[in-house]
Amino acid sequence: MTCPICEKDADEKYRPFCSKRCADIDLGKWLTGSYAVPSQREDDGEDLLRELDESTQKPH
């Protein structure tokens, strides 16, 4: 198995990654939204837009 980030051989300790660095890079991509799991719902985009619109109208 190769590391999905740099394609070096995976290390058993960090599997499927080769190092902590590559594992951290992958985690960072998830946390910043670079990776996303697509939704099966058709109206998710509309719900998100409605929530954003409502949150900008509420006073803090």
PDB file of N, CA and C in Angstrom:
ATOM      1  N   MET A   1       0.842  -1.169   0.000  1.00  0.00           N
ATOM      2  CA  MET A   1       0.000   0.000   0.000  1.00  0.00           C
ATOM      3  C   MET A   1       0.895   1.242   0.000  1.00  0.00           C
ATOM      4  N   THR A   2       0.490   2.232  -0.770  1.00  0.00           N
ATOM      5  CA  THR A   2       1.261   3.469  -0.828  1.00  0.00           C
ATOM      6  C   THR A   2       0.489   4.589  -0.138  1.00  0.00           C
ATOM      7  N   CYS A   3       1.221   5.573   0.314  1.00  0.00           N
ATOM      8  CA  CYS A   3       0.655   6.732   0.992  1.00  0.00           C
ATOM      9  C   CYS A   3      -0.204   7.521  -0.008  1.00  0.00           C
ATOM     10  N   PRO A   4      -1.442   7.866   0.365  1.00  0.00           N
ATOM     11  CA  PRO A   4      -2.300   8.610  -0.560  1.00  0.00           C
ATOM     12  C   PRO A   4      -1.849  10.062  -0.775  1.00  0.00           C
ATOM     13  N   ILE A   5      -0.944  10.553   0.067  1.00  0.00           N
ATOM     14  CA  ILE A   5      -0.472  11.931  -0.073  1.00  0.00           C
ATOM     15  C   ILE A   5       0.765  12.007  -0.959  1.00  0.00           C
ATOM     16  N   CYS A   6       1.811  11.199  -0.632  1.00  0.00           N
ATOM     17  CA  CYS A   6       3.075  11.314  -1.370  1.00  0.00           C
ATOM     18  C   CYS A   6       3.454  10.064  -2.163  1.00  0.00           C
ATOM     19  N   GLU A   7       2.668   9.010  -2.031  1.00  0.00           N
ATOM     20  CA  GLU A   7       2.847   7.757  -2.761  1.00  0.00           C
ATOM     21  C   GLU A   7       4.083   6.950  -2.363  1.00  0.00           C
ATOM     22  N   LYS A   8       4.703   7.253  -1.204  1.00  0.00           N
ATOM     23  CA  LYS A   8       5.763   6.405  -0.670  1.00  0.00           C
ATOM     24  C   LYS A   8       5.113   5.192  -0.015  1.00  0.00           C
ATOM     25  N   ASP A   9       5.921   4.186   0.328  1.00  0.00           N
ATOM     26  CA  ASP A   9       5.377   3.019   1.017  1.00  0.00           C
ATOM     27  C   ASP A   9       4.809   3.425   2.367  1.00  0.00           C
ATOM     28  N   ALA A  10       3.655   2.888   2.715  1.00  0.00           N
ATOM     29  CA  ALA A  10       2.998   3.210   3.981  1.00  0.00           C
ATOM     30  C   ALA A  10       3.778   2.612   5.150  1.00  0.00           C
ATOM     31  N   ASP A  11       3.768   3.320   6.260  1.00  0.00           N
ATOM     32  CA  ASP A  11       4.384   2.859   7.497  1.00  0.00           C
ATOM     33  C   ASP A  11       3.275   2.272   8.360  1.00  0.00           C
ATOM     34  N   GLU A  12       3.513   1.102   8.952  1.00  0.00           N
ATOM     35  CA  GLU A  12       2.499   0.437   9.763  1.00  0.00           C
ATOM     36  C   GLU A  12       1.983   1.346  10.884  1.00  0.00           C
ATOM     37  N   LYS A  13       2.853   2.171  11.450  1.00  0.00           N
ATOM     38  CA  LYS A  13       2.478   3.057  12.552  1.00  0.00           C
ATOM     39  C   LYS A  13       1.479   4.135  12.111  1.00  0.00           C
ATOM     40  N   TYR A  14       1.580   4.594  10.866  1.00  0.00           N
ATOM     41  CA  TYR A  14       0.733   5.690  10.372  1.00  0.00           C
ATOM     42  C   TYR A  14      -0.211   5.253   9.263  1.00  0.00           C
ATOM     43  N   ARG A  15      -0.344   3.980   9.061  1.00  0.00           N
ATOM     44  CA  ARG A  15      -1.116   3.427   7.967  1.00  0.00           C
ATOM     45  C   ARG A  15      -2.466   4.106   7.807  1.00  0.00           C
ATOM     46  N   PRO A  16      -2.884   4.522   6.671  1.00  0.00           N
ATOM     47  CA  PRO A  16      -2.353   4.251   5.337  1.00  0.00           C
ATOM     48  C   PRO A  16      -1.286   5.243   4.890  1.00  0.00           C
ATOM     49  N   PHE A  17      -0.836   6.102   5.776  1.00  0.00           N
ATOM     50  CA  PHE A  17       0.157   7.117   5.421  1.00  0.00           C
ATOM     51  C   PHE A  17       1.570   6.619   5.694  1.00  0.00           C
ATOM     52  N   CYS A  18       2.556   7.343   5.191  1.00  0.00           N
ATOM     53  CA  CYS A  18       3.955   6.960   5.383  1.00  0.00           C
ATOM     54  C   CYS A  18       4.565   7.635   6.607  1.00  0.00           C
ATOM     55  N   SER A  19       3.930   8.702   7.086  1.00  0.00           N
ATOM     56  CA  SER A  19       4.500   9.464   8.193  1.00  0.00           C
ATOM     57  C   SER A  19       3.418  10.298   8.870  1.00  0.00           C
ATOM     58  N   LYS A  20       3.752  10.833  10.025  1.00  0.00           N
ATOM     59  CA  LYS A  20       2.836  11.733  10.733  1.00  0.00           C
ATOM     60  C   LYS A  20       2.576  12.978   9.899  1.00  0.00           C
ATOM     61  N   ARG A  21       3.592  13.441   9.195  1.00  0.00           N
ATOM     62  CA  ARG A  21       3.442  14.635   8.354  1.00  0.00           C
ATOM     63  C   ARG A  21       2.344  14.436   7.314  1.00  0.00           C
ATOM     64  N   CYS A  22       2.369  13.313   6.608  1.00  0.00           N
ATOM     65  CA  CYS A  22       1.347  13.059   5.585  1.00  0.00           C
ATOM     66  C   CYS A  22      -0.034  12.868   6.225  1.00  0.00           C
ATOM     67  N   ALA A  23      -0.080  12.234   7.403  1.00  0.00           N
ATOM     68  CA  ALA A  23      -1.352  12.081   8.107  1.00  0.00           C
ATOM     69  C   ALA A  23      -1.906  13.459   8.484  1.00  0.00           C
ATOM     70  N   ASP A  24      -1.027  14.351   8.942  1.00  0.00           N
ATOM     71  CA  ASP A  24      -1.456  15.705   9.308  1.00  0.00           C
ATOM     72  C   ASP A  24      -1.907  16.513   8.098  1.00  0.00           C
ATOM     73  N   ILE A  25      -1.238  16.331   6.973  1.00  0.00           N
ATOM     74  CA  ILE A  25      -1.650  17.013   5.739  1.00  0.00           C
ATOM     75  C   ILE A  25      -3.060  16.576   5.359  1.00  0.00           C
ATOM     76  N   ASP A  26      -3.333  15.276   5.451  1.00  0.00           N
ATOM     77  CA  ASP A  26      -4.651  14.750   5.123  1.00  0.00           C
ATOM     78  C   ASP A  26      -5.706  15.307   6.075  1.00  0.00           C
ATOM     79  N   LEU A  27      -5.405  15.321   7.374  1.00  0.00           N
ATOM     80  CA  LEU A  27      -6.339  15.875   8.351  1.00  0.00           C
ATOM     81  C   LEU A  27      -6.619  17.346   8.051  1.00  0.00           C
ATOM     82  N   GLY A  28      -5.582  18.097   7.723  1.00  0.00           N
ATOM     83  CA  GLY A  28      -5.753  19.504   7.380  1.00  0.00           C
ATOM     84  C   GLY A  28      -6.672  19.701   6.188  1.00  0.00           C
ATOM     85  N   LYS A  29      -6.581  18.818   5.220  1.00  0.00           N
ATOM     86  CA  LYS A  29      -7.464  18.925   4.048  1.00  0.00           C
ATOM     87  C   LYS A  29      -8.919  18.707   4.437  1.00  0.00           C
ATOM     88  N   TRP A  30      -9.170  17.766   5.352  1.00  0.00           N
ATOM     89  CA  TRP A  30     -10.541  17.549   5.819  1.00  0.00           C
ATOM     90  C   TRP A  30     -11.036  18.757   6.604  1.00  0.00           C
ATOM     91  N   LEU A  31     -10.182  19.286   7.481  1.00  0.00           N
ATOM     92  CA  LEU A  31     -10.609  20.389   8.342  1.00  0.00           C
ATOM     93  C   LEU A  31     -10.841  21.688   7.588  1.00  0.00           C
ATOM     94  N   THR A  32     -10.125  21.902   6.489  1.00  0.00           N
ATOM     95  CA  THR A  32     -10.309  23.132   5.712  1.00  0.00           C
ATOM     96  C   THR A  32     -11.369  23.002   4.623  1.00  0.00           C
ATOM     97  N   GLY A  33     -11.918  21.805   4.453  1.00  0.00           N
ATOM     98  CA  GLY A  33     -12.961  21.602   3.453  1.00  0.00           C
ATOM     99  C   GLY A  33     -12.438  21.259   2.072  1.00  0.00           C
ATOM    100  N   SER A  34     -11.139  20.971   1.958  1.00  0.00           N
ATOM    101  CA  SER A  34     -10.607  20.564   0.661  1.00  0.00           C
ATOM    102  C   SER A  34     -11.209  19.238   0.212  1.00  0.00           C
ATOM    103  N   TYR A  35     -11.513  18.384   1.191  1.00  0.00           N
ATOM    104  CA  TYR A  35     -12.218  17.137   0.911  1.00  0.00           C
ATOM    105  C   TYR A  35     -13.662  17.350   1.341  1.00  0.00           C
ATOM    106  N   ALA A  36     -14.573  16.753   0.637  1.00  0.00           N
ATOM    107  CA  ALA A  36     -15.972  16.828   1.022  1.00  0.00           C
ATOM    108  C   ALA A  36     -16.676  15.564   0.577  1.00  0.00           C
ATOM    109  N   VAL A  37     -17.607  15.126   1.378  1.00  0.00           N
ATOM    110  CA  VAL A  37     -18.414  13.965   1.035  1.00  0.00           C
ATOM    111  C   VAL A  37     -19.693  14.494   0.407  1.00  0.00           C
ATOM    112  N   PRO A  38     -19.978  14.109  -0.828  1.00  0.00           N
ATOM    113  CA  PRO A  38     -21.167  14.639  -1.492  1.00  0.00           C
ATOM    114  C   PRO A  38     -22.450  14.167  -0.810  1.00  0.00           C
ATOM    115  N   SER A  39     -23.440  15.011  -0.807  1.00  0.00           N
ATOM    116  CA  SER A  39     -24.731  14.697  -0.218  1.00  0.00           C
ATOM    117  C   SER A  39     -25.620  14.030  -1.248  1.00  0.00           C
ATOM    118  N   GLN A  40     -26.500  13.191  -0.775  1.00  0.00           N
ATOM    119  CA  GLN A  40     -27.475  12.551  -1.651  1.00  0.00           C
ATOM    120  C   GLN A  40     -28.783  13.355  -1.707  1.00  0.00           C
ATOM    121  N   ARG A  41     -28.909  14.343  -0.812  1.00  0.00           N
ATOM    122  CA  ARG A  41     -30.119  15.156  -0.773  1.00  0.00           C
ATOM    123  C   ARG A  41     -30.037  16.279  -1.802  1.00  0.00           C
ATOM    124  N   GLU A  42     -31.134  16.517  -2.499  1.00  0.00           N
ATOM    125  CA  GLU A  42     -31.172  17.566  -3.510  1.00  0.00           C
ATOM    126  C   GLU A  42     -31.246  18.960  -2.902  1.00  0.00           C
ATOM    127  N   ASP A  43     -31.846  19.089  -1.719  1.00  0.00           N
ATOM    128  CA  ASP A  43     -32.098  20.412  -1.158  1.00  0.00           C
ATOM    129  C   ASP A  43     -31.035  20.869  -0.155  1.00  0.00           C
ATOM    130  N   ASP A  44     -29.915  20.164  -0.016  1.00  0.00           N
ATOM    131  CA  ASP A  44     -28.881  20.571   0.931  1.00  0.00           C
ATOM    132  C   ASP A  44     -28.345  21.964   0.631  1.00  0.00           C
ATOM    133  N   GLY A  45     -28.134  22.281  -0.605  1.00  0.00           N
ATOM    134  CA  GLY A  45     -27.620  23.599  -0.974  1.00  0.00           C
ATOM    135  C   GLY A  45     -28.579  24.706  -0.589  1.00  0.00           C
ATOM    136  N   GLU A  46     -29.857  24.462  -0.779  1.00  0.00           N
ATOM    137  CA  GLU A  46     -30.859  25.456  -0.414  1.00  0.00           C
ATOM    138  C   GLU A  46     -30.913  25.645   1.095  1.00  0.00           C
ATOM    139  N   ASP A  47     -30.824  24.550   1.861  1.00  0.00           N
ATOM    140  CA  ASP A  47     -30.829  24.642   3.326  1.00  0.00           C
ATOM    141  C   ASP A  47     -29.635  25.449   3.824  1.00  0.00           C
ATOM    142  N   LEU A  48     -28.481  25.203   3.256  1.00  0.00           N
ATOM    143  CA  LEU A  48     -27.270  25.910   3.674  1.00  0.00           C
ATOM    144  C   LEU A  48     -27.385  27.403   3.382  1.00  0.00           C
ATOM    145  N   LEU A  49     -27.873  27.746   2.210  1.00  0.00           N
ATOM    146  CA  LEU A  49     -28.049  29.158   1.870  1.00  0.00           C
ATOM    147  C   LEU A  49     -29.042  29.841   2.808  1.00  0.00           C
ATOM    148  N   ARG A  50     -30.122  29.151   3.153  1.00  0.00           N
ATOM    149  CA  ARG A  50     -31.113  29.704   4.064  1.00  0.00           C
ATOM    150  C   ARG A  50     -30.493  29.923   5.453  1.00  0.00           C
ATOM    151  N   GLU A  51     -29.714  28.956   5.956  1.00  0.00           N
ATOM    152  CA  GLU A  51     -29.066  29.089   7.262  1.00  0.00           C
ATOM    153  C   GLU A  51     -28.073  30.251   7.267  1.00  0.00           C
ATOM    154  N   LEU A  52     -27.310  30.391   6.201  1.00  0.00           N
ATOM    155  CA  LEU A  52     -26.360  31.493   6.123  1.00  0.00           C
ATOM    156  C   LEU A  52     -27.071  32.835   6.101  1.00  0.00           C
ATOM    157  N   ASP A  53     -28.140  32.915   5.355  1.00  0.00           N
ATOM    158  CA  ASP A  53     -28.903  34.154   5.273  1.00  0.00           C
ATOM    159  C   ASP A  53     -29.488  34.521   6.629  1.00  0.00           C
ATOM    160  N   GLU A  54     -30.033  33.522   7.346  1.00  0.00           N
ATOM    161  CA  GLU A  54     -30.619  33.770   8.660  1.00  0.00           C
ATOM    162  C   GLU A  54     -29.551  34.176   9.672  1.00  0.00           C
ATOM    163  N   SER A  55     -28.379  33.589   9.593  1.00  0.00           N
ATOM    164  CA  SER A  55     -27.334  33.898  10.573  1.00  0.00           C
ATOM    165  C   SER A  55     -26.781  35.304  10.367  1.00  0.00           C
ATOM    166  N   THR A  56     -26.825  35.813   9.151  1.00  0.00           N
ATOM    167  CA  THR A  56     -26.310  37.169   8.916  1.00  0.00           C
ATOM    168  C   THR A  56     -27.342  38.225   9.326  1.00  0.00           C
ATOM    169  N   GLN A  57     -28.614  37.852   9.457  1.00  0.00           N
ATOM    170  CA  GLN A  57     -29.639  38.813   9.830  1.00  0.00           C
ATOM    171  C   GLN A  57     -29.812  38.932  11.345  1.00  0.00           C
ATOM    172  N   LYS A  58     -29.316  37.948  12.116  1.00  0.00           N
ATOM    173  CA  LYS A  58     -29.485  37.972  13.572  1.00  0.00           C
ATOM    174  C   LYS A  58     -28.461  38.883  14.213  1.00  0.00           C
ATOM    175  N   PRO A  59     -28.901  39.780  15.115  1.00  0.00           N
ATOM    176  CA  PRO A  59     -27.923  40.613  15.839  1.00  0.00           C
ATOM    177  C   PRO A  59     -27.185  39.764  16.872  1.00  0.00           C
ATOM    178  N   HIS A  60     -25.949  40.110  17.156  1.00  0.00           N
ATOM    179  CA  HIS A  60     -25.152  39.328  18.108  1.00  0.00           C
ATOM    180  C   HIS A  60     -25.390  39.777  19.506  1.00  0.00           C
TER     181      HIS A  60
END
